[in-house]
PDB file of N, CA and C in Angstrom:
ATOM      1  N   MET A   1       3.401 -36.761  19.195  1.00  0.00           N
ATOM      2  CA  MET A   1       3.219 -36.721  17.955  1.00  0.00           C
ATOM      3  C   MET A   1       1.702 -35.684  17.374  1.00  0.00           C
ATOM      4  N   ALA A   2       0.937 -35.684  18.578  1.00  0.00           N
ATOM      5  CA  ALA A   2      -0.153 -34.671  18.472  1.00  0.00           C
ATOM      6  C   ALA A   2       0.034 -33.395  17.698  1.00  0.00           C
ATOM      7  N   GLY A   3       1.004 -33.293  18.664  1.00  0.00           N
ATOM      8  CA  GLY A   3       1.706 -31.652  19.089  1.00  0.00           C
ATOM      9  C   GLY A   3       2.456 -31.581  17.100  1.00  0.00           C
ATOM     10  N   THR A   4       3.292 -32.619  17.296  1.00  0.00           N
ATOM     11  CA  THR A   4       3.682 -32.641  15.725  1.00  0.00           C
ATOM     12  C   THR A   4       2.507 -31.998  14.456  1.00  0.00           C
ATOM     13  N   LYS A   5       1.460 -32.975  14.617  1.00  0.00           N
ATOM     14  CA  LYS A   5       0.273 -32.942  13.098  1.00  0.00           C
ATOM     15  C   LYS A   5       0.655 -32.057  13.992  1.00  0.00           C
ATOM     16  N   GLU A   6      -0.350 -30.795  14.841  1.00  0.00           N
ATOM     17  CA  GLU A   6      -1.034 -29.758  15.013  1.00  0.00           C
ATOM     18  C   GLU A   6       0.156 -28.553  14.683  1.00  0.00           C
ATOM     19  N   ALA A   7       0.946 -28.433  14.973  1.00  0.00           N
ATOM     20  CA  ALA A   7       2.532 -27.287  14.499  1.00  0.00           C
ATOM     21  C   ALA A   7       2.400 -27.365  13.446  1.00  0.00           C
ATOM     22  N   VAL A   8       2.412 -28.781  12.684  1.00  0.00           N
ATOM     23  CA  VAL A   8       2.482 -28.541  10.968  1.00  0.00           C
ATOM     24  C   VAL A   8       1.065 -28.342   9.999  1.00  0.00           C
ATOM     25  N   VAL A   9      -0.659 -28.296  10.839  1.00  0.00           N
ATOM     26  CA  VAL A   9      -1.266 -27.745  10.558  1.00  0.00           C
ATOM     27  C   VAL A   9      -1.548 -26.445  10.319  1.00  0.00           C
ATOM     28  N   THR A  10      -0.948 -25.952  11.495  1.00  0.00           N
ATOM     29  CA  THR A  10      -0.936 -24.687  11.662  1.00  0.00           C
ATOM     30  C   THR A  10      -0.328 -24.146  11.030  1.00  0.00           C
ATOM     31  N   SER A  11       1.182 -24.822  10.167  1.00  0.00           N
ATOM     32  CA  SER A  11       1.921 -23.389  10.250  1.00  0.00           C
ATOM     33  C   SER A  11       1.681 -23.648   8.370  1.00  0.00           C
ATOM     34  N   LEU A  12       1.050 -24.410   8.168  1.00  0.00           N
ATOM     35  CA  LEU A  12       0.278 -24.587   6.840  1.00  0.00           C
ATOM     36  C   LEU A  12      -0.954 -24.211   5.823  1.00  0.00           C
ATOM     37  N   THR A  13      -1.781 -23.617   7.183  1.00  0.00           N
ATOM     38  CA  THR A  13      -2.928 -22.936   7.071  1.00  0.00           C
ATOM     39  C   THR A  13      -1.991 -21.716   6.817  1.00  0.00           C
ATOM     40  N   GLU A  14      -1.532 -21.497   7.606  1.00  0.00           N
ATOM     41  CA  GLU A  14      -0.666 -19.703   7.925  1.00  0.00           C
ATOM     42  C   GLU A  14      -0.657 -19.413   6.750  1.00  0.00           C
ATOM     43  N   VAL A  15       0.882 -20.529   5.813  1.00  0.00           N
ATOM     44  CA  VAL A  15       1.002 -19.775   4.710  1.00  0.00           C
ATOM     45  C   VAL A  15       0.161 -20.035   4.067  1.00  0.00           C
ATOM     46  N   GLY A  16      -1.018 -20.988   4.130  1.00  0.00           N
ATOM     47  CA  GLY A  16      -2.533 -20.351   2.735  1.00  0.00           C
ATOM     48  C   GLY A  16      -2.664 -19.466   2.790  1.00  0.00           C
ATOM     49  N   THR A  17      -2.720 -19.106   4.313  1.00  0.00           N
ATOM     50  CA  THR A  17      -3.277 -17.340   4.495  1.00  0.00           C
ATOM     51  C   THR A  17      -2.474 -15.805   3.340  1.00  0.00           C
ATOM     52  N   ASN A  18      -1.350 -16.453   4.045  1.00  0.00           N
ATOM     53  CA  ASN A  18      -0.462 -15.656   3.725  1.00  0.00           C
ATOM     54  C   ASN A  18      -0.716 -15.394   2.143  1.00  0.00           C
ATOM     55  N   LEU A  19      -0.319 -16.990   1.013  1.00  0.00           N
ATOM     56  CA  LEU A  19      -0.708 -16.761   0.157  1.00  0.00           C
ATOM     57  C   LEU A  19      -1.578 -16.038  -0.899  1.00  0.00           C
ATOM     58  N   THR A  20      -2.795 -16.700   0.111  1.00  0.00           N
ATOM     59  CA  THR A  20      -3.987 -15.959  -0.534  1.00  0.00           C
ATOM     60  C   THR A  20      -4.069 -14.351  -0.641  1.00  0.00           C
ATOM     61  N   GLY A  21      -3.466 -14.046   0.343  1.00  0.00           N
ATOM     62  CA  GLY A  21      -3.244 -12.284   0.245  1.00  0.00           C
ATOM     63  C   GLY A  21      -2.512 -11.683  -0.428  1.00  0.00           C
ATOM     64  N   ILE A  22      -1.848 -12.670  -0.813  1.00  0.00           N
ATOM     65  CA  ILE A  22      -0.105 -12.205  -1.343  1.00  0.00           C
ATOM     66  C   ILE A  22      -1.022 -12.099  -3.313  1.00  0.00           C
ATOM     67  N   PHE A  23      -1.370 -12.891  -3.425  1.00  0.00           N
ATOM     68  CA  PHE A  23      -2.313 -12.801  -4.668  1.00  0.00           C
ATOM     69  C   PHE A  23      -3.580 -12.022  -4.754  1.00  0.00           C
ATOM     70  N   GLY A  24      -4.037 -11.502  -3.336  1.00  0.00           N
ATOM     71  CA  GLY A  24      -5.406 -10.780  -3.860  1.00  0.00           C
ATOM     72  C   GLY A  24      -4.303  -9.355  -3.522  1.00  0.00           C
ATOM     73  N   ASP A  25      -3.291  -8.749  -3.808  1.00  0.00           N
ATOM     74  CA  ASP A  25      -2.789  -7.731  -3.431  1.00  0.00           C
ATOM     75  C   ASP A  25      -1.541  -7.725  -4.469  1.00  0.00           C
ATOM     76  N   VAL A  26      -1.257  -8.259  -5.050  1.00  0.00           N
ATOM     77  CA  VAL A  26      -0.906  -8.719  -6.885  1.00  0.00           C
ATOM     78  C   VAL A  26      -0.919  -8.969  -7.978  1.00  0.00           C
ATOM     79  N   LEU A  27      -2.816  -9.377  -8.344  1.00  0.00           N
ATOM     80  CA  LEU A  27      -3.535  -9.651  -9.407  1.00  0.00           C
ATOM     81  C   LEU A  27      -4.131  -8.571  -9.613  1.00  0.00           C
ATOM     82  N   PRO A  28      -4.690  -7.578  -9.399  1.00  0.00           N
ATOM     83  CA  PRO A  28      -4.776  -6.820  -9.863  1.00  0.00           C
ATOM     84  C   PRO A  28      -3.807  -4.805 -10.026  1.00  0.00           C
ATOM     85  N   ILE A  29      -2.759  -5.633  -9.526  1.00  0.00           N
ATOM     86  CA  ILE A  29      -1.174  -5.365 -10.428  1.00  0.00           C
ATOM     87  C   ILE A  29      -1.219  -5.330 -11.839  1.00  0.00           C
ATOM     88  N   ALA A  30      -1.316  -6.860 -11.461  1.00  0.00           N
ATOM     89  CA  ALA A  30      -0.842  -7.579 -12.815  1.00  0.00           C
ATOM     90  C   ALA A  30      -1.507  -7.549 -13.734  1.00  0.00           C
ATOM     91  N   LEU A  31      -3.641  -7.976 -13.621  1.00  0.00           N
ATOM     92  CA  LEU A  31      -3.933  -7.672 -14.362  1.00  0.00           C
ATOM     93  C   LEU A  31      -4.239  -6.200 -15.228  1.00  0.00           C
ATOM     94  N   GLY A  32      -3.171  -5.502 -13.955  1.00  0.00           N
ATOM     95  CA  GLY A  32      -3.482  -3.855 -15.188  1.00  0.00           C
ATOM     96  C   GLY A  32      -2.754  -3.859 -16.151  1.00  0.00           C
ATOM     97  N   ILE A  33      -1.783  -4.843 -15.727  1.00  0.00           N
ATOM     98  CA  ILE A  33       0.440  -4.439 -16.921  1.00  0.00           C
ATOM     99  C   ILE A  33      -0.518  -5.567 -18.248  1.00  0.00           C
ATOM    100  N   ILE A  34      -0.506  -6.599 -17.736  1.00  0.00           N
ATOM    101  CA  ILE A  34      -0.665  -7.711 -18.846  1.00  0.00           C
ATOM    102  C   ILE A  34      -2.155  -6.955 -19.678  1.00  0.00           C
ATOM    103  N   GLY A  35      -3.386  -6.434 -19.148  1.00  0.00           N
ATOM    104  CA  GLY A  35      -4.438  -6.259 -20.129  1.00  0.00           C
ATOM    105  C   GLY A  35      -3.927  -4.254 -20.677  1.00  0.00           C
ATOM    106  N   SER A  36      -2.562  -3.912 -20.275  1.00  0.00           N
ATOM    107  CA  SER A  36      -2.194  -2.727 -20.779  1.00  0.00           C
ATOM    108  C   SER A  36      -1.970  -3.236 -22.271  1.00  0.00           C
ATOM    109  N   VAL A  37      -0.891  -4.524 -21.984  1.00  0.00           N
ATOM    110  CA  VAL A  37       0.102  -5.061 -22.923  1.00  0.00           C
ATOM    111  C   VAL A  37      -0.338  -5.551 -24.181  1.00  0.00           C
ATOM    112  N   MET A  38      -1.685  -5.969 -24.314  1.00  0.00           N
ATOM    113  CA  MET A  38      -2.279  -5.671 -24.796  1.00  0.00           C
ATOM    114  C   MET A  38      -3.335  -5.417 -25.901  1.00  0.00           C
ATOM    115  N   VAL A  39      -3.870  -4.103 -25.043  1.00  0.00           N
ATOM    116  CA  VAL A  39      -4.567  -2.690 -25.603  1.00  0.00           C
ATOM    117  C   VAL A  39      -2.783  -2.995 -26.590  1.00  0.00           C
ATOM    118  N   VAL A  40      -2.138  -2.087 -26.063  1.00  0.00           N
ATOM    119  CA  VAL A  40      -0.730  -1.697 -27.260  1.00  0.00           C
ATOM    120  C   VAL A  40      -0.594  -2.845 -28.381  1.00  0.00           C
ATOM    121  N   THR A  41      -0.463  -4.354 -27.834  1.00  0.00           N
ATOM    122  CA  THR A  41      -0.270  -4.893 -29.121  1.00  0.00           C
ATOM    123  C   THR A  41      -1.493  -5.403 -29.960  1.00  0.00           C
ATOM    124  N   PHE A  42      -2.677  -4.787 -29.791  1.00  0.00           N
ATOM    125  CA  PHE A  42      -3.905  -5.507 -31.111  1.00  0.00           C
ATOM    126  C   PHE A  42      -3.697  -3.670 -31.150  1.00  0.00           C
ATOM    127  N   GLY A  43      -3.368  -2.213 -31.366  1.00  0.00           N
ATOM    128  CA  GLY A  43      -3.955  -1.412 -31.009  1.00  0.00           C
ATOM    129  C   GLY A  43      -3.047  -0.814 -32.788  1.00  0.00           C
ATOM    130  N   VAL A  44      -1.155  -1.751 -32.074  1.00  0.00           N
ATOM    131  CA  VAL A  44      -0.313  -1.890 -33.514  1.00  0.00           C
ATOM    132  C   VAL A  44      -1.137  -2.402 -34.653  1.00  0.00           C
ATOM    133  N   LYS A  45      -0.909  -3.481 -33.923  1.00  0.00           N
ATOM    134  CA  LYS A  45      -1.958  -5.189 -35.188  1.00  0.00           C
ATOM    135  C   LYS A  45      -2.575  -4.467 -36.291  1.00  0.00           C
ATOM    136  N   LEU A  46      -3.202  -3.782 -35.070  1.00  0.00           N
ATOM    137  CA  LEU A  46      -4.904  -2.692 -36.143  1.00  0.00           C
ATOM    138  C   LEU A  46      -4.443  -1.610 -37.288  1.00  0.00           C
ATOM    139  N   PHE A  47      -4.144  -0.808 -35.526  1.00  0.00           N
ATOM    140  CA  PHE A  47      -3.224   0.243 -37.361  1.00  0.00           C
ATOM    141  C   PHE A  47      -2.130   0.137 -38.404  1.00  0.00           C
ATOM    142  N   LYS A  48      -1.697  -1.229 -38.653  1.00  0.00           N
ATOM    143  CA  LYS A  48      -0.673  -1.869 -39.529  1.00  0.00           C
ATOM    144  C   LYS A  48      -2.091  -2.394 -40.479  1.00  0.00           C
ATOM    145  N   LYS A  49      -2.690  -2.473 -39.654  1.00  0.00           N
ATOM    146  CA  LYS A  49      -3.490  -3.672 -40.691  1.00  0.00           C
ATOM    147  C   LYS A  49      -4.145  -2.174 -41.310  1.00  0.00           C
ATOM    148  N   LEU A  50      -4.092  -0.813 -40.710  1.00  0.00           N
ATOM    149  CA  LEU A  50      -4.972  -0.390 -41.427  1.00  0.00           C
ATOM    150  C   LEU A  50      -4.277   0.169 -42.087  1.00  0.00           C
ATOM    151  N   THR A  51      -3.478   1.074 -42.250  1.00  0.00           N
ATOM    152  CA  THR A  51      -1.713   1.729 -42.826  1.00  0.00           C
ATOM    153  C   THR A  51      -0.684   0.345 -43.900  1.00  0.00           C
ATOM    154  N   GLY A  52      -1.855  -0.757 -43.411  1.00  0.00           N
ATOM    155  CA  GLY A  52      -1.052  -1.211 -44.872  1.00  0.00           C
ATOM    156  C   GLY A  52       0.095  -2.233 -44.888  1.00  0.00           C
ATOM    157  N   ARG A  53       1.134  -1.980 -43.233  1.00  0.00           N
ATOM    158  CA  ARG A  53       1.717  -1.933 -43.255  1.00  0.00           C
ATOM    159  C   ARG A  53       2.075  -3.470 -42.953  1.00  0.00           C
ATOM    160  N   ALA A  54       2.286  -4.467 -42.612  1.00  0.00           N
ATOM    161  CA  ALA A  54       2.464  -5.405 -41.622  1.00  0.00           C
ATOM    162  C   ALA A  54       3.581  -6.740 -42.423  1.00  0.00           C
TER     163      ALA A  54
END
């Protein structure tokens, strides 16, 4: 039973480590995309507000 417990703990630790690595790789890309979309959205709203089209 102790061997099974160690195998499960080792597997879950490895999964956690892999997920942390994936988030570390994907997060900068996702933040860049989300930031770009927000800038465009606010820019369009500001343009419409300044030109009186709403």
